[in-house]
């Protein structure tokens, strides 16, 4: 199957980006260097093309009910312009994906927009329509991923940068709030959300306006690729779908993955009974951060052991933190070893390296 390309692909080629395959998309992994791009976001601002993320619109009389059944959070709490983070689980409570759900303004044809991760839009479209049809719900479901582009402007200078280029009161938006505003003459959905731990916005726009929106930011701040996006999210302990959890290769529930706050057990959703049982019984394993105390880098798939050499877990993400200059990792360990400050080891190329369980974020908020 041919890889999908974002509407900004030509802009990235002209800028000399290096590309990588991710979730079925050919996306820029870096423009200058991961270190340079990472530092720009931590110190000033950077702009990312995140058009590989899915966009699915849900409308009709039963739109809220459909979202309520298929996501773990309480959709009824959303007012127009609000957003929430949620998990999408199967009957066993295992995470298929994580997502952000937006409630759109009343005048829109659709009522909600939710954003699956890269390469999951077709799967989630099918899941939504299959459930709708099986339960005879009156709702429209439209996969509009190919109709839109999306950028993220992130960093301490990002709010002022975005405010200077929009015609709306974006600085008035609270965290997980969104509004329509024009950027370079293009009507955009501007949300106070992000995946870096810094202030900033994610901006959705029609694909034919992608160049104008990108140029409004990329000419005045650092273009960034997926490489820096990955190191930035790891420093804050954010999950990566398909790596920190995977329904087949590494099945995890929201409680195990450390996002139990997304589970509203006073609502009914697919996986509710399993998650309620787990919440009552307690966890055997938990998602943690760790810092390697010796030379080396914890990588995906590396074993985590006790100091006695017993296997107690596995690394799911790891890197040399550009901000700290220290090797950091994320993964799962037996609950008995999950407390902050616990001494463990990570097996790096056959050798146990001393590490310390460290609750993320690894850097000051």
Protein backbone atom coordinates (compact mmCIF):
# COMPACT_ATOMS: atom_id res chain seq x y z
CA UNK A 1 0.00 0.00 0.00
CA UNK A 2 1.33 3.44 -0.94
CA UNK A 3 2.23 5.72 1.93
CA UNK A 4 0.05 8.76 2.49
CA UNK A 5 1.60 12.20 2.33
CA UNK A 6 0.46 15.35 4.14
CA UNK A 7 -0.70 18.41 2.19
CA UNK A 8 2.53 20.14 3.27
CA UNK A 9 4.81 17.47 1.81
CA UNK A 10 6.13 19.77 -0.92
CA UNK A 11 6.93 22.52 1.60
CA UNK A 12 8.95 20.02 3.63
CA UNK A 13 10.85 18.76 0.58
CA UNK A 14 11.76 22.34 -0.35
CA UNK A 15 12.99 22.95 3.22
CA UNK A 16 15.28 19.88 3.00
CA UNK A 17 13.48 17.72 5.53
CA UNK A 18 14.43 14.12 6.13
CA UNK A 19 11.40 11.84 6.00
CA UNK A 20 10.32 8.67 7.76
CA UNK A 21 7.35 6.31 7.55
CA UNK A 22 5.00 6.64 10.50
CA UNK A 23 1.56 5.07 10.75
CA UNK A 24 1.34 4.71 6.99
CA UNK A 25 2.37 8.34 6.37
CA UNK A 26 5.61 9.76 5.00
CA UNK A 27 6.37 12.53 7.48
CA UNK A 28 9.35 14.79 8.22
CA UNK A 29 11.48 13.32 11.00
CA UNK A 30 13.82 16.34 11.16
CA UNK A 31 14.58 19.56 9.33
CA UNK A 32 17.85 20.67 10.93
CA UNK A 33 18.54 18.33 13.84
CA UNK A 34 16.49 16.76 16.61
CA UNK A 35 18.61 18.60 19.19
CA UNK A 36 18.06 21.99 17.52
CA UNK A 37 14.33 21.46 17.11
CA UNK A 38 13.89 20.10 20.63
CA UNK A 39 15.72 23.09 22.13
CA UNK A 40 13.63 25.54 20.11
CA UNK A 41 10.41 24.17 21.59
CA UNK A 42 11.75 24.17 25.14
CA UNK A 43 13.26 27.67 24.84
CA UNK A 44 11.13 29.59 22.32
CA UNK A 45 8.78 27.96 19.78
CA UNK A 46 8.59 25.36 17.06
CA UNK A 47 5.98 24.34 14.48
CA UNK A 48 5.16 20.69 13.66
CA UNK A 49 3.18 19.24 10.78
CA UNK A 50 0.86 16.74 12.48
CA UNK A 51 -1.44 16.15 9.51
CA UNK A 52 -0.90 12.40 9.98
CA UNK A 53 -3.33 12.54 12.89
CA UNK A 54 -6.87 11.46 12.01
CA UNK A 55 -10.00 13.60 12.03
CA UNK A 56 -13.42 12.02 12.35
CA UNK A 57 -16.62 14.07 12.62
CA UNK A 58 -19.68 12.72 14.41
CA UNK A 59 -23.11 14.36 14.24
CA UNK A 60 -26.82 13.67 14.50
CA UNK A 61 -29.24 13.09 17.40
CA UNK A 62 -27.25 10.21 18.90
CA UNK A 63 -23.76 11.69 18.40
CA UNK A 64 -23.18 12.18 22.11
CA UNK A 65 -24.41 8.69 22.94
CA UNK A 66 -22.16 7.13 20.30
CA UNK A 67 -19.08 8.95 21.61
CA UNK A 68 -20.09 8.08 25.17
CA UNK A 69 -20.23 4.37 24.34
CA UNK A 70 -16.90 4.25 22.49
CA UNK A 71 -14.65 6.49 24.61
CA UNK A 72 -13.86 6.16 28.30
CA UNK A 73 -14.34 9.77 29.40
CA UNK A 74 -17.64 11.58 30.03
CA UNK A 75 -18.56 13.30 26.77
CA UNK A 76 -21.65 14.86 28.35
CA UNK A 77 -19.39 17.22 30.30
CA UNK A 78 -18.28 18.98 27.11
CA UNK A 79 -19.73 22.36 26.20
CA UNK A 80 -19.22 23.72 22.66
CA UNK A 81 -15.54 24.57 22.30
CA UNK A 82 -14.43 22.11 24.99
CA UNK A 83 -12.12 19.13 24.51
CA UNK A 84 -11.16 16.09 26.55
CA UNK A 85 -8.56 13.36 26.44
CA UNK A 86 -9.93 9.81 26.39
CA UNK A 87 -9.07 6.20 25.70
CA UNK A 88 -10.78 3.89 23.22
CA UNK A 89 -11.06 0.40 24.71
CA UNK A 90 -12.31 -3.05 23.77
CA UNK A 91 -14.57 -5.28 25.88
CA UNK A 92 -11.59 -6.32 28.01
CA UNK A 93 -10.70 -2.70 28.78
CA UNK A 94 -7.60 -2.91 26.57
CA UNK A 95 -6.67 0.34 24.85
CA UNK A 96 -7.06 0.36 21.07
CA UNK A 97 -6.01 4.00 20.87
CA UNK A 98 -6.07 7.25 22.78
CA UNK A 99 -7.75 10.36 21.42
CA UNK A 100 -8.85 13.95 21.96
CA UNK A 101 -12.59 14.63 21.54
CA UNK A 102 -13.76 18.15 20.67
CA UNK A 103 -17.32 19.40 20.92
CA UNK A 104 -17.86 21.71 17.97
CA UNK A 105 -19.92 24.94 17.96
CA UNK A 106 -23.68 24.53 17.68
CA UNK A 107 -23.82 25.92 14.14
CA UNK A 108 -21.64 23.10 12.74
CA UNK A 109 -23.22 20.22 10.83
CA UNK A 110 -21.29 17.78 13.02
CA UNK A 111 -21.41 17.89 16.80
CA UNK A 112 -18.03 16.35 17.62
CA UNK A 113 -14.57 15.95 16.14
CA UNK A 114 -12.28 13.29 17.52
CA UNK A 115 -8.64 12.73 16.61
CA UNK A 116 -7.31 9.15 16.37
CA UNK A 117 -3.60 8.56 16.07
CA UNK A 118 -1.74 8.14 12.79
CA UNK A 119 -3.01 5.26 10.71
CA UNK A 120 -6.00 4.58 12.97
CA UNK A 121 -8.61 6.71 11.22
CA UNK A 122 -10.02 3.95 9.00
CA UNK A 123 -10.11 1.51 11.92
CA UNK A 124 -11.94 3.99 14.14
CA UNK A 125 -14.34 5.00 11.38
CA UNK A 126 -15.26 1.33 10.98
CA UNK A 127 -15.58 0.89 14.74
CA UNK A 128 -17.90 3.89 15.05
CA UNK A 129 -20.10 2.97 12.09
CA UNK A 130 -20.28 -0.71 13.07
CA UNK A 131 -21.38 0.16 16.61
CA UNK A 132 -23.84 2.74 15.32
CA UNK A 133 -25.44 0.27 12.94
CA UNK A 134 -25.48 -2.61 15.44
CA UNK A 135 -27.28 -0.46 18.03
CA UNK A 136 -29.52 1.38 15.57
CA UNK A 137 -28.24 4.83 16.56
CA UNK A 138 -29.02 7.96 14.57
CA UNK A 139 -25.61 9.48 13.95
CA UNK A 140 -23.42 10.54 11.05
CA UNK A 141 -19.77 9.50 11.02
CA UNK A 142 -17.36 11.02 8.49
CA UNK A 143 -13.66 10.29 8.13
CA UNK A 144 -12.38 13.71 7.00
CA UNK A 145 -8.68 13.04 7.57
CA UNK A 146 -7.83 13.61 3.91
CA UNK A 147 -9.71 16.91 3.80
CA UNK A 148 -7.68 18.66 6.49
CA UNK A 149 -4.17 19.53 7.55
CA UNK A 150 -2.99 20.06 11.11
CA UNK A 151 -0.04 21.85 12.68
CA UNK A 152 1.09 22.24 16.27
CA UNK A 153 2.83 25.42 17.43
CA UNK A 154 4.49 24.68 20.75
CA UNK A 155 6.85 26.38 23.19
CA UNK A 156 6.91 29.26 25.70
CA UNK A 157 6.66 31.83 22.89
CA UNK A 158 3.93 29.90 21.03
CA UNK A 159 0.87 31.65 22.54
CA UNK A 160 2.02 35.12 21.49
CA UNK A 161 3.17 33.79 18.12
CA UNK A 162 -0.23 32.26 17.40
CA UNK A 163 -2.15 35.26 18.79
CA UNK A 164 -0.25 37.59 16.46
CA UNK A 165 -1.32 35.55 13.43
CA UNK A 166 -4.98 34.94 14.22
CA UNK A 167 -8.03 37.18 14.24
CA UNK A 168 -9.59 35.57 17.33
CA UNK A 169 -9.06 35.72 21.11
CA UNK A 170 -6.93 32.58 21.28
CA UNK A 171 -5.09 33.78 24.39
CA UNK A 172 -8.41 33.57 26.25
CA UNK A 173 -8.64 29.84 25.63
CA UNK A 174 -8.09 27.66 28.68
CA UNK A 175 -6.36 24.30 28.48
CA UNK A 176 -8.42 21.91 26.34
CA UNK A 177 -10.55 24.70 24.89
CA UNK A 178 -10.84 25.58 21.20
CA UNK A 179 -12.37 28.13 18.85
CA UNK A 180 -12.54 29.09 15.20
CA UNK A 181 -10.09 31.78 14.11
CA UNK A 182 -8.50 32.84 10.83
CA UNK A 183 -4.80 32.32 10.17
CA UNK A 184 -3.45 33.90 6.97
CA UNK A 185 -7.02 34.17 5.67
CA UNK A 186 -7.79 30.48 6.34
CA UNK A 187 -10.52 29.56 8.82
CA UNK A 188 -8.96 27.20 11.38
CA UNK A 189 -9.97 25.25 14.45
CA UNK A 190 -7.48 26.47 17.07
CA UNK A 191 -7.15 24.34 20.22
CA UNK A 192 -5.13 24.91 23.36
CA UNK A 193 -3.72 21.38 23.31
CA UNK A 194 -0.38 19.76 22.57
CA UNK A 195 2.00 16.85 22.99
CA UNK A 196 5.22 18.50 24.17
CA UNK A 197 4.50 19.65 27.72
CA UNK A 198 4.87 23.28 26.63
CA UNK A 199 2.27 25.96 26.03
CA UNK A 200 0.87 26.10 22.55
CA UNK A 201 -1.89 25.25 20.12
CA UNK A 202 -2.91 22.60 17.64
CA UNK A 203 -4.52 24.05 14.52
CA UNK A 204 -6.77 22.20 12.06
CA UNK A 205 -7.53 23.70 8.63
CA UNK A 206 -8.75 22.75 5.13
CA UNK A 207 -6.02 21.01 3.16
CA UNK A 208 -6.06 23.64 0.41
CA UNK A 209 -5.05 26.28 2.98
CA UNK A 210 -2.15 24.27 4.38
CA UNK A 211 0.64 26.23 2.69
CA UNK A 212 -0.63 29.61 3.88
CA UNK A 213 -1.00 28.42 7.47
CA UNK A 214 2.40 26.72 7.53
CA UNK A 215 4.16 29.76 6.08
CA UNK A 216 2.55 32.02 8.67
CA UNK A 217 4.56 30.18 11.33
CA UNK A 218 7.49 28.39 9.70
CA UNK A 219 8.98 31.62 8.38
CA UNK A 220 9.38 32.92 11.94
CA UNK A 221 9.97 29.86 14.12
CA UNK A 222 11.77 26.53 13.92
CA UNK A 223 10.15 23.81 11.77
CA UNK A 224 10.23 20.55 13.75
CA UNK A 225 9.86 16.91 12.80
CA UNK A 226 8.66 13.74 14.48
CA UNK A 227 12.07 13.10 16.03
CA UNK A 228 11.86 16.14 18.30
CA UNK A 229 8.18 15.49 18.91
CA UNK A 230 9.16 12.09 20.30
CA UNK A 231 11.93 13.33 22.61
CA UNK A 232 9.71 16.17 23.84
CA UNK A 233 6.78 13.89 24.68
CA UNK A 234 9.07 11.38 26.44
CA UNK A 235 10.43 14.08 28.74
CA UNK A 236 6.85 14.63 29.91
CA UNK A 237 5.89 10.96 30.03
CA UNK A 238 3.19 11.14 27.35
CA UNK A 239 2.06 7.85 25.81
CA UNK A 240 2.78 6.92 22.20
CA UNK A 241 0.07 4.72 20.72
CA UNK A 242 1.51 1.57 19.19
CA UNK A 243 4.68 1.78 21.27
CA UNK A 244 3.76 2.41 24.92
CA UNK A 245 0.63 0.37 24.38
CA UNK A 246 -0.59 -1.89 21.58
CA UNK A 247 -3.74 -4.04 21.67
CA UNK A 248 -1.91 -7.13 20.37
CA UNK A 249 1.80 -6.69 21.17
CA UNK A 250 1.48 -4.89 24.52
CA UNK A 251 -2.16 -4.84 25.64
CA UNK A 252 -2.73 -2.27 28.39
CA UNK A 253 -5.68 -0.70 30.12
CA UNK A 254 -5.91 3.03 30.91
CA UNK A 255 -5.22 2.25 34.57
CA UNK A 256 -2.04 0.32 33.76
CA UNK A 257 -0.95 3.03 31.31
CA UNK A 258 -1.27 5.76 33.95
CA UNK A 259 -4.25 7.56 32.44
CA UNK A 260 -6.95 6.34 34.78
CA UNK A 261 -8.15 9.96 34.98
CA UNK A 262 -9.70 9.44 31.53
CA UNK A 263 -12.00 6.69 32.81
CA UNK A 264 -15.48 7.81 33.92
CA UNK A 265 -16.91 4.75 35.60
CA UNK A 266 -20.23 6.51 36.10
CA UNK A 267 -20.81 6.22 32.34
CA UNK A 268 -21.41 3.13 30.22
CA UNK A 269 -18.82 2.38 27.54
CA UNK A 270 -17.28 -0.62 25.85
CA UNK A 271 -14.87 -2.10 28.39
CA UNK A 272 -16.59 -0.55 31.42
CA UNK A 273 -17.11 -3.81 33.34
CA UNK A 274 -13.51 -4.93 32.87
CA UNK A 275 -12.11 -1.58 33.96
CA UNK A 276 -14.39 -1.39 36.98
CA UNK A 277 -13.19 -4.83 38.04
CA UNK A 278 -9.55 -3.84 37.60
CA UNK A 279 -10.06 -0.60 39.50
CA UNK A 280 -11.50 -2.57 42.41
CA UNK A 281 -8.91 -5.37 42.33
CA UNK A 282 -5.81 -3.20 41.88
CA UNK A 283 -2.96 -3.40 39.39
CA UNK A 284 -0.22 -5.97 38.87
CA UNK A 285 1.87 -3.65 36.67
CA UNK A 286 2.13 0.11 36.28
CA UNK A 287 3.50 2.58 33.74
CA UNK A 288 6.55 4.38 35.14
CA UNK A 289 9.46 6.56 34.18
CA UNK A 290 13.08 5.81 34.94
CA UNK A 291 16.46 7.49 34.71
CA UNK A 292 19.51 5.41 33.86
CA UNK A 293 22.29 6.06 36.37
CA UNK A 294 25.02 4.61 34.17
CA UNK A 295 26.15 5.14 30.62
CA UNK A 296 23.72 3.76 28.04
CA UNK A 297 20.25 4.45 26.67
CA UNK A 298 17.12 2.48 27.61
CA UNK A 299 15.37 1.39 24.42
CA UNK A 300 12.02 -0.13 23.50
CA UNK A 301 11.94 -3.80 24.46
CA UNK A 302 14.80 -3.73 26.99
CA UNK A 303 14.18 -5.74 30.15
CA UNK A 304 13.81 -4.03 33.51
CA UNK A 305 15.04 -6.15 36.41
CA UNK A 306 15.28 -5.91 40.18
CA UNK A 307 18.72 -5.43 41.70
CA UNK A 308 18.70 -9.21 42.25
CA UNK A 309 18.29 -9.80 38.51
CA UNK A 310 14.64 -10.83 38.48
CA UNK A 311 12.68 -9.59 35.45
CA UNK A 312 10.08 -7.08 36.67
CA UNK A 313 9.13 -5.20 33.50
CA UNK A 314 10.07 -3.79 30.13
CA UNK A 315 11.02 -0.45 28.60
CA UNK A 316 8.56 0.80 25.99
CA UNK A 317 10.20 4.17 25.11
CA UNK A 318 13.62 5.62 25.82
CA UNK A 319 16.06 8.30 24.73
CA UNK A 320 18.92 10.49 25.80
CA UNK A 321 17.03 13.51 27.11
CA UNK A 322 18.18 16.56 25.14
CA UNK A 323 17.13 18.86 27.98
CA UNK A 324 18.76 16.94 30.84
CA UNK A 325 21.60 15.20 29.06
CA UNK A 326 20.55 12.01 30.88
CA UNK A 327 19.15 8.72 29.57
CA UNK A 328 15.44 8.42 30.38
CA UNK A 329 12.88 5.73 29.74
CA UNK A 330 9.21 4.81 30.07
CA UNK A 331 7.78 1.37 30.61
CA UNK A 332 5.91 -1.04 32.83
CA UNK A 333 7.06 -2.67 36.05
CA UNK A 334 5.50 -4.87 38.71
CA UNK A 335 3.54 -2.70 41.11
CA UNK A 336 5.88 -3.56 44.00
CA UNK A 337 8.67 -1.72 42.16
CA UNK A 338 6.67 1.27 40.86
CA UNK A 339 7.32 3.72 43.70
CA UNK A 340 9.33 6.83 42.89
CA UNK A 341 12.98 6.38 43.87
CA UNK A 342 13.04 2.57 43.61
CA UNK A 343 16.41 1.20 42.43
CA UNK A 344 16.15 -1.12 39.42
CA UNK A 345 18.30 -2.16 36.49
CA UNK A 346 17.81 -1.98 32.72
CA UNK A 347 19.47 -4.68 30.63
CA UNK A 348 21.35 -2.81 27.91
CA UNK A 349 22.98 -5.11 25.36
CA UNK A 350 23.16 -7.92 27.87
CA UNK A 351 24.46 -5.85 30.78
CA UNK A 352 22.39 -4.64 33.72
CA UNK A 353 22.63 -0.86 34.13
CA UNK A 354 21.55 0.81 37.36
CA UNK A 355 18.44 2.96 37.07
CA UNK A 356 16.00 4.77 39.33
CA UNK A 357 12.22 4.80 38.99
CA UNK A 358 11.36 8.48 38.45
CA UNK A 359 7.82 9.76 38.02
CA UNK A 360 7.53 11.90 34.87
CA UNK A 361 7.69 14.62 33.85
CA UNK A 362 11.44 14.41 34.02
CA UNK A 363 11.81 18.19 33.67
CA UNK A 364 10.28 21.06 35.63
CA UNK A 365 6.77 21.98 34.62
